[in-house]
Amino acid sequence: MDWGQVLTIIFGIAGFMSIFMFLINKRIDDLRDDMNKRFEKLEKEVDRRFSSLEEDIREIRHLLYKVLGVESKKGD
């Protein structure tokens, strides 16, 4: 085997590996983007639920103040 064949094999393997790594990195970036979109959507849903829960707790607190005859705090 002469040097031309050896270099051809080395460059072929290097080219194959570079294409393979490019595709793997692209797939990882796509996966990262997808996960970021899912987490943003989930974060909005959790924020919405916490806001609803805070409103419910505030309403329950005001009802308890009325039932127990206690004056509510100024901030509520």
PDB file of N, CA and C in Angstrom:
ATOM      1  N   MET A   1       0.847  -1.160   0.000  1.00  0.00           N
ATOM      2  CA  MET A   1       0.000   0.000   0.000  1.00  0.00           C
ATOM      3  C   MET A   1       0.901   1.234   0.000  1.00  0.00           C
ATOM      4  N   ASP A   2       0.660   2.130  -0.927  1.00  0.00           N
ATOM      5  CA  ASP A   2       1.497   3.334  -0.984  1.00  0.00           C
ATOM      6  C   ASP A   2       0.863   4.483  -0.193  1.00  0.00           C
ATOM      7  N   TRP A   3       1.586   5.588  -0.132  1.00  0.00           N
ATOM      8  CA  TRP A   3       1.160   6.718   0.689  1.00  0.00           C
ATOM      9  C   TRP A   3      -0.140   7.342   0.172  1.00  0.00           C
ATOM     10  N   GLY A   4      -0.391   7.284  -1.083  1.00  0.00           N
ATOM     11  CA  GLY A   4      -1.619   7.846  -1.645  1.00  0.00           C
ATOM     12  C   GLY A   4      -2.849   7.135  -1.128  1.00  0.00           C
ATOM     13  N   GLN A   5      -2.768   5.815  -1.063  1.00  0.00           N
ATOM     14  CA  GLN A   5      -3.898   5.040  -0.547  1.00  0.00           C
ATOM     15  C   GLN A   5      -4.101   5.273   0.949  1.00  0.00           C
ATOM     16  N   VAL A   6      -3.011   5.357   1.693  1.00  0.00           N
ATOM     17  CA  VAL A   6      -3.088   5.597   3.132  1.00  0.00           C
ATOM     18  C   VAL A   6      -3.737   6.956   3.402  1.00  0.00           C
ATOM     19  N   LEU A   7      -3.284   7.992   2.681  1.00  0.00           N
ATOM     20  CA  LEU A   7      -3.861   9.325   2.868  1.00  0.00           C
ATOM     21  C   LEU A   7      -5.331   9.359   2.459  1.00  0.00           C
ATOM     22  N   THR A   8      -5.679   8.640   1.394  1.00  0.00           N
ATOM     23  CA  THR A   8      -7.075   8.575   0.963  1.00  0.00           C
ATOM     24  C   THR A   8      -7.945   7.937   2.047  1.00  0.00           C
ATOM     25  N   ILE A   9      -7.467   6.873   2.653  1.00  0.00           N
ATOM     26  CA  ILE A   9      -8.219   6.213   3.725  1.00  0.00           C
ATOM     27  C   ILE A   9      -8.348   7.135   4.932  1.00  0.00           C
ATOM     28  N   ILE A  10      -7.261   7.793   5.320  1.00  0.00           N
ATOM     29  CA  ILE A  10      -7.281   8.698   6.477  1.00  0.00           C
ATOM     30  C   ILE A  10      -8.242   9.859   6.233  1.00  0.00           C
ATOM     31  N   PHE A  11      -8.150  10.493   5.051  1.00  0.00           N
ATOM     32  CA  PHE A  11      -9.039  11.615   4.745  1.00  0.00           C
ATOM     33  C   PHE A  11     -10.493  11.156   4.612  1.00  0.00           C
ATOM     34  N   GLY A  12     -10.707   9.968   4.111  1.00  0.00           N
ATOM     35  CA  GLY A  12     -12.063   9.433   4.014  1.00  0.00           C
ATOM     36  C   GLY A  12     -12.679   9.227   5.387  1.00  0.00           C
ATOM     37  N   ILE A  13     -11.900   8.638   6.283  1.00  0.00           N
ATOM     38  CA  ILE A  13     -12.388   8.422   7.649  1.00  0.00           C
ATOM     39  C   ILE A  13     -12.622   9.761   8.350  1.00  0.00           C
ATOM     40  N   ALA A  14     -11.699  10.705   8.176  1.00  0.00           N
ATOM     41  CA  ALA A  14     -11.855  12.027   8.798  1.00  0.00           C
ATOM     42  C   ALA A  14     -13.093  12.738   8.247  1.00  0.00           C
ATOM     43  N   GLY A  15     -13.317  12.637   6.949  1.00  0.00           N
ATOM     44  CA  GLY A  15     -14.506  13.252   6.346  1.00  0.00           C
ATOM     45  C   GLY A  15     -15.787  12.621   6.867  1.00  0.00           C
ATOM     46  N   PHE A  16     -15.799  11.297   6.923  1.00  0.00           N
ATOM     47  CA  PHE A  16     -16.965  10.594   7.454  1.00  0.00           C
ATOM     48  C   PHE A  16     -17.244  10.999   8.889  1.00  0.00           C
ATOM     49  N   MET A  17     -16.216  11.067   9.714  1.00  0.00           N
ATOM     50  CA  MET A  17     -16.392  11.424  11.118  1.00  0.00           C
ATOM     51  C   MET A  17     -16.855  12.871  11.273  1.00  0.00           C
ATOM     52  N   SER A  18     -16.340  13.776  10.437  1.00  0.00           N
ATOM     53  CA  SER A  18     -16.762  15.174  10.543  1.00  0.00           C
ATOM     54  C   SER A  18     -18.235  15.316  10.158  1.00  0.00           C
ATOM     55  N   ILE A  19     -18.676  14.623   9.124  1.00  0.00           N
ATOM     56  CA  ILE A  19     -20.096  14.659   8.744  1.00  0.00           C
ATOM     57  C   ILE A  19     -20.948  14.050   9.850  1.00  0.00           C
ATOM     58  N   PHE A  20     -20.508  12.938  10.395  1.00  0.00           N
ATOM     59  CA  PHE A  20     -21.228  12.281  11.478  1.00  0.00           C
ATOM     60  C   PHE A  20     -21.357  13.205  12.688  1.00  0.00           C
ATOM     61  N   MET A  21     -20.276  13.870  13.079  1.00  0.00           N
ATOM     62  CA  MET A  21     -20.307  14.767  14.233  1.00  0.00           C
ATOM     63  C   MET A  21     -21.201  15.977  13.957  1.00  0.00           C
ATOM     64  N   PHE A  22     -21.181  16.480  12.731  1.00  0.00           N
ATOM     65  CA  PHE A  22     -22.053  17.592  12.368  1.00  0.00           C
ATOM     66  C   PHE A  22     -23.525  17.199  12.546  1.00  0.00           C
ATOM     67  N   LEU A  23     -23.879  16.011  12.077  1.00  0.00           N
ATOM     68  CA  LEU A  23     -25.260  15.556  12.196  1.00  0.00           C
ATOM     69  C   LEU A  23     -25.659  15.323  13.647  1.00  0.00           C
ATOM     70  N   ILE A  24     -24.747  14.792  14.443  1.00  0.00           N
ATOM     71  CA  ILE A  24     -25.024  14.590  15.873  1.00  0.00           C
ATOM     72  C   ILE A  24     -25.222  15.939  16.559  1.00  0.00           C
ATOM     73  N   ASN A  25     -24.364  16.915  16.283  1.00  0.00           N
ATOM     74  CA  ASN A  25     -24.500  18.240  16.895  1.00  0.00           C
ATOM     75  C   ASN A  25     -25.806  18.910  16.472  1.00  0.00           C
ATOM     76  N   LYS A  26     -26.184  18.737  15.213  1.00  0.00           N
ATOM     77  CA  LYS A  26     -27.444  19.304  14.741  1.00  0.00           C
ATOM     78  C   LYS A  26     -28.608  18.666  15.475  1.00  0.00           C
ATOM     79  N   ARG A  27     -28.562  17.378  15.657  1.00  0.00           N
ATOM     80  CA  ARG A  27     -29.634  16.674  16.364  1.00  0.00           C
ATOM     81  C   ARG A  27     -29.710  17.129  17.819  1.00  0.00           C
ATOM     82  N   ILE A  28     -28.573  17.316  18.460  1.00  0.00           N
ATOM     83  CA  ILE A  28     -28.548  17.794  19.842  1.00  0.00           C
ATOM     84  C   ILE A  28     -29.131  19.200  19.927  1.00  0.00           C
ATOM     85  N   ASP A  29     -28.785  20.079  18.986  1.00  0.00           N
ATOM     86  CA  ASP A  29     -29.343  21.431  18.971  1.00  0.00           C
ATOM     87  C   ASP A  29     -30.855  21.403  18.763  1.00  0.00           C
ATOM     88  N   ASP A  30     -31.331  20.554  17.858  1.00  0.00           N
ATOM     89  CA  ASP A  30     -32.773  20.427  17.639  1.00  0.00           C
ATOM     90  C   ASP A  30     -33.477  19.932  18.899  1.00  0.00           C
ATOM     91  N   LEU A  31     -32.868  18.970  19.563  1.00  0.00           N
ATOM     92  CA  LEU A  31     -33.442  18.437  20.797  1.00  0.00           C
ATOM     93  C   LEU A  31     -33.470  19.513  21.883  1.00  0.00           C
ATOM     94  N   ARG A  32     -32.406  20.289  21.992  1.00  0.00           N
ATOM     95  CA  ARG A  32     -32.334  21.365  22.981  1.00  0.00           C
ATOM     96  C   ARG A  32     -33.419  22.411  22.713  1.00  0.00           C
ATOM     97  N   ASP A  33     -33.606  22.795  21.448  1.00  0.00           N
ATOM     98  CA  ASP A  33     -34.652  23.756  21.102  1.00  0.00           C
ATOM     99  C   ASP A  33     -36.033  23.222  21.449  1.00  0.00           C
ATOM    100  N   ASP A  34     -36.260  21.956  21.142  1.00  0.00           N
ATOM    101  CA  ASP A  34     -37.556  21.347  21.448  1.00  0.00           C
ATOM    102  C   ASP A  34     -37.812  21.324  22.953  1.00  0.00           C
ATOM    103  N   MET A  35     -36.814  20.959  23.718  1.00  0.00           N
ATOM    104  CA  MET A  35     -36.980  20.911  25.171  1.00  0.00           C
ATOM    105  C   MET A  35     -37.210  22.314  25.742  1.00  0.00           C
ATOM    106  N   ASN A  36     -36.515  23.327  25.211  1.00  0.00           N
ATOM    107  CA  ASN A  36     -36.727  24.697  25.679  1.00  0.00           C
ATOM    108  C   ASN A  36     -38.166  25.143  25.414  1.00  0.00           C
ATOM    109  N   LYS A  37     -38.703  24.809  24.242  1.00  0.00           N
ATOM    110  CA  LYS A  37     -40.089  25.159  23.931  1.00  0.00           C
ATOM    111  C   LYS A  37     -41.049  24.456  24.884  1.00  0.00           C
ATOM    112  N   ARG A  38     -40.797  23.190  25.164  1.00  0.00           N
ATOM    113  CA  ARG A  38     -41.670  22.449  26.078  1.00  0.00           C
ATOM    114  C   ARG A  38     -41.616  23.017  27.489  1.00  0.00           C
ATOM    115  N   PHE A  39     -40.406  23.377  27.962  1.00  0.00           N
ATOM    116  CA  PHE A  39     -40.282  23.932  29.306  1.00  0.00           C
ATOM    117  C   PHE A  39     -40.933  25.304  29.398  1.00  0.00           C
ATOM    118  N   GLU A  40     -40.838  26.126  28.334  1.00  0.00           N
ATOM    119  CA  GLU A  40     -41.500  27.427  28.342  1.00  0.00           C
ATOM    120  C   GLU A  40     -43.008  27.251  28.429  1.00  0.00           C
ATOM    121  N   LYS A  41     -43.538  26.305  27.671  1.00  0.00           N
ATOM    122  CA  LYS A  41     -44.969  26.028  27.701  1.00  0.00           C
ATOM    123  C   LYS A  41     -45.385  25.537  29.089  1.00  0.00           C
ATOM    124  N   LEU A  42     -44.600  24.646  29.670  1.00  0.00           N
ATOM    125  CA  LEU A  42     -44.891  24.118  30.995  1.00  0.00           C
ATOM    126  C   LEU A  42     -44.796  25.217  32.051  1.00  0.00           C
ATOM    127  N   GLU A  43     -43.810  26.094  31.917  1.00  0.00           N
ATOM    128  CA  GLU A  43     -43.633  27.179  32.871  1.00  0.00           C
ATOM    129  C   GLU A  43     -44.839  28.119  32.847  1.00  0.00           C
ATOM    130  N   LYS A  44     -45.356  28.421  31.653  1.00  0.00           N
ATOM    131  CA  LYS A  44     -46.538  29.275  31.554  1.00  0.00           C
ATOM    132  C   LYS A  44     -47.742  28.612  32.211  1.00  0.00           C
ATOM    133  N   GLU A  45     -47.893  27.317  32.007  1.00  0.00           N
ATOM    134  CA  GLU A  45     -49.012  26.586  32.612  1.00  0.00           C
ATOM    135  C   GLU A  45     -48.903  26.583  34.137  1.00  0.00           C
ATOM    136  N   VAL A  46     -47.710  26.367  34.654  1.00  0.00           N
ATOM    137  CA  VAL A  46     -47.508  26.368  36.110  1.00  0.00           C
ATOM    138  C   VAL A  46     -47.777  27.761  36.680  1.00  0.00           C
ATOM    139  N   ASP A  47     -47.303  28.808  35.992  1.00  0.00           N
ATOM    140  CA  ASP A  47     -47.566  30.182  36.445  1.00  0.00           C
ATOM    141  C   ASP A  47     -49.063  30.469  36.472  1.00  0.00           C
ATOM    142  N   ARG A  48     -49.772  30.012  35.445  1.00  0.00           N
ATOM    143  CA  ARG A  48     -51.216  30.225  35.389  1.00  0.00           C
ATOM    144  C   ARG A  48     -51.916  29.510  36.546  1.00  0.00           C
ATOM    145  N   ARG A  49     -51.483  28.285  36.828  1.00  0.00           N
ATOM    146  CA  ARG A  49     -52.096  27.530  37.924  1.00  0.00           C
ATOM    147  C   ARG A  49     -51.816  28.167  39.283  1.00  0.00           C
ATOM    148  N   PHE A  50     -50.586  28.655  39.486  1.00  0.00           N
ATOM    149  CA  PHE A  50     -50.261  29.311  40.745  1.00  0.00           C
ATOM    150  C   PHE A  50     -51.058  30.599  40.910  1.00  0.00           C
ATOM    151  N   SER A  51     -51.250  31.335  39.837  1.00  0.00           N
ATOM    152  CA  SER A  51     -52.056  32.555  39.915  1.00  0.00           C
ATOM    153  C   SER A  51     -53.489  32.220  40.307  1.00  0.00           C
ATOM    154  N   SER A  52     -54.028  31.175  39.704  1.00  0.00           N
ATOM    155  CA  SER A  52     -55.383  30.742  40.038  1.00  0.00           C
ATOM    156  C   SER A  52     -55.458  30.296  41.499  1.00  0.00           C
ATOM    157  N   LEU A  53     -54.445  29.577  41.942  1.00  0.00           N
ATOM    158  CA  LEU A  53     -54.413  29.109  43.328  1.00  0.00           C
ATOM    159  C   LEU A  53     -54.320  30.287  44.298  1.00  0.00           C
ATOM    160  N   GLU A  54     -53.509  31.288  43.980  1.00  0.00           N
ATOM    161  CA  GLU A  54     -53.402  32.474  44.830  1.00  0.00           C
ATOM    162  C   GLU A  54     -54.738  33.194  44.929  1.00  0.00           C
ATOM    163  N   GLU A  55     -55.453  33.311  43.815  1.00  0.00           N
ATOM    164  CA  GLU A  55     -56.766  33.959  43.837  1.00  0.00           C
ATOM    165  C   GLU A  55     -57.745  33.171  44.701  1.00  0.00           C
ATOM    166  N   ASP A  56     -57.718  31.843  44.590  1.00  0.00           N
ATOM    167  CA  ASP A  56     -58.601  31.007  45.400  1.00  0.00           C
ATOM    168  C   ASP A  56     -58.291  31.150  46.884  1.00  0.00           C
ATOM    169  N   ILE A  57     -57.026  31.161  47.235  1.00  0.00           N
ATOM    170  CA  ILE A  57     -56.629  31.309  48.642  1.00  0.00           C
ATOM    171  C   ILE A  57     -57.057  32.679  49.170  1.00  0.00           C
ATOM    172  N   ARG A  58     -56.889  33.705  48.361  1.00  0.00           N
ATOM    173  CA  ARG A  58     -57.293  35.054  48.768  1.00  0.00           C
ATOM    174  C   ARG A  58     -58.811  35.114  49.016  1.00  0.00           C
ATOM    175  N   GLU A  59     -59.583  34.480  48.126  1.00  0.00           N
ATOM    176  CA  GLU A  59     -61.041  34.452  48.279  1.00  0.00           C
ATOM    177  C   GLU A  59     -61.443  33.683  49.541  1.00  0.00           C
ATOM    178  N   ILE A  60     -60.797  32.550  49.784  1.00  0.00           N
ATOM    179  CA  ILE A  60     -61.087  31.758  50.988  1.00  0.00           C
ATOM    180  C   ILE A  60     -60.744  32.552  52.246  1.00  0.00           C
ATOM    181  N   ARG A  61     -59.641  33.262  52.214  1.00  0.00           N
ATOM    182  CA  ARG A  61     -59.231  34.061  53.372  1.00  0.00           C
ATOM    183  C   ARG A  61     -60.262  35.149  53.668  1.00  0.00           C
ATOM    184  N   HIS A  62     -60.749  35.825  52.607  1.00  0.00           N
ATOM    185  CA  HIS A  62     -61.754  36.866  52.816  1.00  0.00           C
ATOM    186  C   HIS A  62     -63.055  36.276  53.366  1.00  0.00           C
ATOM    187  N   LEU A  63     -63.438  35.094  52.871  1.00  0.00           N
ATOM    188  CA  LEU A  63     -64.643  34.448  53.396  1.00  0.00           C
ATOM    189  C   LEU A  63     -64.467  34.068  54.866  1.00  0.00           C
ATOM    190  N   LEU A  64     -63.290  33.571  55.224  1.00  0.00           N
ATOM    191  CA  LEU A  64     -63.029  33.229  56.630  1.00  0.00           C
ATOM    192  C   LEU A  64     -63.052  34.472  57.506  1.00  0.00           C
ATOM    193  N   TYR A  65     -62.517  35.589  57.014  1.00  0.00           N
ATOM    194  CA  TYR A  65     -62.565  36.835  57.773  1.00  0.00           C
ATOM    195  C   TYR A  65     -64.009  37.235  58.040  1.00  0.00           C
ATOM    196  N   LYS A  66     -64.863  37.069  57.023  1.00  0.00           N
ATOM    197  CA  LYS A  66     -66.275  37.425  57.196  1.00  0.00           C
ATOM    198  C   LYS A  66     -66.961  36.494  58.192  1.00  0.00           C
ATOM    199  N   VAL A  67     -66.709  35.190  58.068  1.00  0.00           N
ATOM    200  CA  VAL A  67     -67.353  34.215  58.945  1.00  0.00           C
ATOM    201  C   VAL A  67     -66.890  34.387  60.388  1.00  0.00           C
ATOM    202  N   LEU A  68     -65.617  34.589  60.600  1.00  0.00           N
ATOM    203  CA  LEU A  68     -65.073  34.696  61.950  1.00  0.00           C
ATOM    204  C   LEU A  68     -65.239  36.099  62.537  1.00  0.00           C
ATOM    205  N   GLY A  69     -65.644  37.057  61.722  1.00  0.00           N
ATOM    206  CA  GLY A  69     -65.850  38.412  62.217  1.00  0.00           C
ATOM    207  C   GLY A  69     -64.554  39.151  62.478  1.00  0.00           C
ATOM    208  N   VAL A  70     -63.494  38.760  61.802  1.00  0.00           N
ATOM    209  CA  VAL A  70     -62.203  39.414  61.975  1.00  0.00           C
ATOM    210  C   VAL A  70     -62.028  40.401  60.833  1.00  0.00           C
ATOM    211  N   GLU A  71     -61.491  41.582  61.155  1.00  0.00           N
ATOM    212  CA  GLU A  71     -61.258  42.553  60.089  1.00  0.00           C
ATOM    213  C   GLU A  71     -60.041  42.113  59.278  1.00  0.00           C
ATOM    214  N   SER A  72     -60.156  42.251  57.971  1.00  0.00           N
ATOM    215  CA  SER A  72     -59.053  41.840  57.100  1.00  0.00           C
ATOM    216  C   SER A  72     -57.918  42.832  57.175  1.00  0.00           C
ATOM    217  N   LYS A  73     -56.757  42.347  56.778  1.00  0.00           N
ATOM    218  CA  LYS A  73     -55.584  43.211  56.774  1.00  0.00           C
ATOM    219  C   LYS A  73     -55.732  44.245  55.666  1.00  0.00           C
ATOM    220  N   LYS A  74     -54.986  45.331  55.777  1.00  0.00           N
ATOM    221  CA  LYS A  74     -55.068  46.403  54.791  1.00  0.00           C
ATOM    222  C   LYS A  74     -54.606  45.967  53.423  1.00  0.00           C
ATOM    223  N   GLY A  75     -53.595  45.081  53.324  1.00  0.00           N
ATOM    224  CA  GLY A  75     -53.024  44.646  52.054  1.00  0.00           C
ATOM    225  C   GLY A  75     -53.882  43.661  51.283  1.00  0.00           C
ATOM    226  N   ASP A  76     -54.875  43.051  51.910  1.00  0.00           N
ATOM    227  CA  ASP A  76     -55.682  42.022  51.258  1.00  0.00           C
ATOM    228  C   ASP A  76     -56.884  42.602  50.572  1.00  0.00           C
TER     229      ASP A  76
END
